[in-house]
Amino acid sequence: MSKVKSISPYVVIGIGLAGASYLSSKNNRDQLVQVSRKVMEKVKVIYTGRSSGACDELIEKAGNPDPHDIEDTKMVSEGAMYAVEYYNQEEQQ
């Protein structure tokens, strides 16, 4: 057991040095950035069930709501009423 504990810091240092030497090249850094973007895109699709374009559309809609979108305004009004009801309930107690 004690040998395993004494080896692990050396393994971590070795991995760190290998990663640093790999990332010292601009070409390798660019490849890593491209791969990480592709992975993030796939993770978004898996967790949201939508493509990245759909996520961007939802984010833009959240920042600029359409007053003629009935379902969206209904959701906002329900959320606003929850806060008012909570405040009234706390004040009455």
C-alpha atoms as a PDB file:
ATOM      1  CA  MET A   1       0.000   0.000   0.000  1.00  0.00           C
ATOM      2  CA  SER A   2       2.737   2.503   0.848  1.00  0.00           C
ATOM      3  CA  LYS A   3       4.397   1.995  -2.566  1.00  0.00           C
ATOM      4  CA  VAL A   4       1.195   2.992  -4.321  1.00  0.00           C
ATOM      5  CA  LYS A   5       1.039   6.251  -2.371  1.00  0.00           C
ATOM      6  CA  SER A   6       4.678   7.070  -3.153  1.00  0.00           C
ATOM      7  CA  ILE A   7       4.208   6.407  -6.892  1.00  0.00           C
ATOM      8  CA  SER A   8       1.050   8.489  -7.395  1.00  0.00           C
ATOM      9  CA  PRO A   9       2.686  11.949  -7.006  1.00  0.00           C
ATOM     10  CA  TYR A  10       5.277  10.979  -9.603  1.00  0.00           C
ATOM     11  CA  VAL A  11       2.556   9.807 -11.968  1.00  0.00           C
ATOM     12  CA  VAL A  12       0.678  13.078 -11.536  1.00  0.00           C
ATOM     13  CA  ILE A  13       3.855  15.093 -12.158  1.00  0.00           C
ATOM     14  CA  GLY A  14       4.591  12.981 -15.251  1.00  0.00           C
ATOM     15  CA  ILE A  15       1.113  13.508 -16.645  1.00  0.00           C
ATOM     16  CA  GLY A  16       1.371  17.231 -15.966  1.00  0.00           C
ATOM     17  CA  LEU A  17       4.729  17.496 -17.717  1.00  0.00           C
ATOM     18  CA  ALA A  18       3.474  15.473 -20.688  1.00  0.00           C
ATOM     19  CA  GLY A  19       0.416  17.725 -20.977  1.00  0.00           C
ATOM     20  CA  ALA A  20       2.513  20.872 -20.728  1.00  0.00           C
ATOM     21  CA  SER A  21       4.945  19.673 -23.385  1.00  0.00           C
ATOM     22  CA  TYR A  22       2.050  18.664 -25.662  1.00  0.00           C
ATOM     23  CA  LEU A  23       0.361  22.045 -25.284  1.00  0.00           C
ATOM     24  CA  SER A  24       3.568  23.985 -25.897  1.00  0.00           C
ATOM     25  CA  SER A  25       2.912  23.745 -29.652  1.00  0.00           C
ATOM     26  CA  LYS A  26       0.381  26.214 -31.119  1.00  0.00           C
ATOM     27  CA  ASN A  27      -0.932  23.541 -33.504  1.00  0.00           C
ATOM     28  CA  ASN A  28      -1.655  21.149 -30.621  1.00  0.00           C
ATOM     29  CA  ARG A  29      -3.433  23.871 -28.643  1.00  0.00           C
ATOM     30  CA  ASP A  30      -5.644  24.673 -31.637  1.00  0.00           C
ATOM     31  CA  GLN A  31      -6.505  20.993 -32.056  1.00  0.00           C
ATOM     32  CA  LEU A  32      -7.395  20.734 -28.380  1.00  0.00           C
ATOM     33  CA  VAL A  33      -9.669  23.782 -28.626  1.00  0.00           C
ATOM     34  CA  GLN A  34     -11.446  22.314 -31.669  1.00  0.00           C
ATOM     35  CA  VAL A  35     -11.944  18.958 -29.978  1.00  0.00           C
ATOM     36  CA  SER A  36     -13.233  20.573 -26.784  1.00  0.00           C
ATOM     37  CA  ARG A  37     -15.748  22.656 -28.787  1.00  0.00           C
ATOM     38  CA  LYS A  38     -17.010  19.542 -30.565  1.00  0.00           C
ATOM     39  CA  VAL A  39     -17.372  17.732 -27.242  1.00  0.00           C
ATOM     40  CA  MET A  40     -19.243  20.676 -25.714  1.00  0.00           C
ATOM     41  CA  GLU A  41     -21.582  20.750 -28.721  1.00  0.00           C
ATOM     42  CA  LYS A  42     -22.337  17.042 -28.329  1.00  0.00           C
ATOM     43  CA  VAL A  43     -22.903  17.431 -24.587  1.00  0.00           C
ATOM     44  CA  LYS A  44     -25.390  20.243 -25.249  1.00  0.00           C
ATOM     45  CA  VAL A  45     -27.267  18.073 -27.714  1.00  0.00           C
ATOM     46  CA  ILE A  46     -27.342  15.120 -25.318  1.00  0.00           C
ATOM     47  CA  TYR A  47     -28.504  17.067 -22.256  1.00  0.00           C
ATOM     48  CA  THR A  48     -30.959  19.423 -23.932  1.00  0.00           C
ATOM     49  CA  GLY A  49     -32.165  17.178 -26.737  1.00  0.00           C
ATOM     50  CA  ARG A  50     -31.704  20.115 -29.099  1.00  0.00           C
ATOM     51  CA  SER A  51     -28.975  21.371 -31.366  1.00  0.00           C
ATOM     52  CA  SER A  52     -26.808  24.325 -30.405  1.00  0.00           C
ATOM     53  CA  GLY A  53     -28.793  26.603 -32.707  1.00  0.00           C
ATOM     54  CA  ALA A  54     -31.964  25.828 -30.763  1.00  0.00           C
ATOM     55  CA  CYS A  55     -30.185  26.612 -27.482  1.00  0.00           C
ATOM     56  CA  ASP A  56     -28.964  29.926 -28.869  1.00  0.00           C
ATOM     57  CA  GLU A  57     -32.513  30.719 -29.991  1.00  0.00           C
ATOM     58  CA  LEU A  58     -33.836  30.054 -26.486  1.00  0.00           C
ATOM     59  CA  ILE A  59     -31.140  32.221 -24.919  1.00  0.00           C
ATOM     60  CA  GLU A  60     -31.932  35.084 -27.301  1.00  0.00           C
ATOM     61  CA  LYS A  61     -35.654  34.702 -26.626  1.00  0.00           C
ATOM     62  CA  ALA A  62     -35.018  34.850 -22.891  1.00  0.00           C
ATOM     63  CA  GLY A  63     -33.139  38.110 -23.301  1.00  0.00           C
ATOM     64  CA  ASN A  64     -35.810  39.721 -25.483  1.00  0.00           C
ATOM     65  CA  PRO A  65     -39.276  38.240 -24.838  1.00  0.00           C
ATOM     66  CA  ASP A  66     -42.018  38.712 -27.407  1.00  0.00           C
ATOM     67  CA  PRO A  67     -45.170  40.274 -25.865  1.00  0.00           C
ATOM     68  CA  HIS A  68     -47.342  38.462 -28.428  1.00  0.00           C
ATOM     69  CA  ASP A  69     -46.085  35.016 -27.395  1.00  0.00           C
ATOM     70  CA  ILE A  70     -49.066  33.938 -25.286  1.00  0.00           C
ATOM     71  CA  GLU A  71     -47.452  30.910 -23.633  1.00  0.00           C
ATOM     72  CA  ASP A  72     -44.363  32.892 -22.671  1.00  0.00           C
ATOM     73  CA  THR A  73     -46.334  35.784 -21.165  1.00  0.00           C
ATOM     74  CA  LYS A  74     -48.550  33.309 -19.320  1.00  0.00           C
ATOM     75  CA  MET A  75     -45.481  31.663 -17.811  1.00  0.00           C
ATOM     76  CA  VAL A  76     -44.058  35.041 -16.772  1.00  0.00           C
ATOM     77  CA  SER A  77     -47.319  36.146 -15.187  1.00  0.00           C
ATOM     78  CA  GLU A  78     -47.580  32.886 -13.232  1.00  0.00           C
ATOM     79  CA  GLY A  79     -44.035  33.401 -11.989  1.00  0.00           C
ATOM     80  CA  ALA A  80     -44.796  36.972 -10.999  1.00  0.00           C
ATOM     81  CA  MET A  81     -47.914  35.909  -9.103  1.00  0.00           C
ATOM     82  CA  TYR A  82     -45.915  33.327  -7.182  1.00  0.00           C
ATOM     83  CA  ALA A  83     -43.612  36.022  -5.836  1.00  0.00           C
ATOM     84  CA  VAL A  84     -46.536  38.275  -4.912  1.00  0.00           C
ATOM     85  CA  GLU A  85     -48.397  35.451  -3.174  1.00  0.00           C
ATOM     86  CA  TYR A  86     -45.268  34.462  -1.251  1.00  0.00           C
ATOM     87  CA  TYR A  87     -44.699  38.053  -0.147  1.00  0.00           C
ATOM     88  CA  ASN A  88     -48.334  38.437   0.965  1.00  0.00           C
ATOM     89  CA  GLN A  89     -48.208  35.172   2.867  1.00  0.00           C
ATOM     90  CA  GLU A  90     -45.020  36.234   4.718  1.00  0.00           C
ATOM     91  CA  GLU A  91     -46.476  39.648   5.567  1.00  0.00           C
ATOM     92  CA  GLN A  92     -49.712  38.144   6.915  1.00  0.00           C
ATOM     93  CA  GLN A  93     -47.855  35.845   9.300  1.00  0.00           C
END
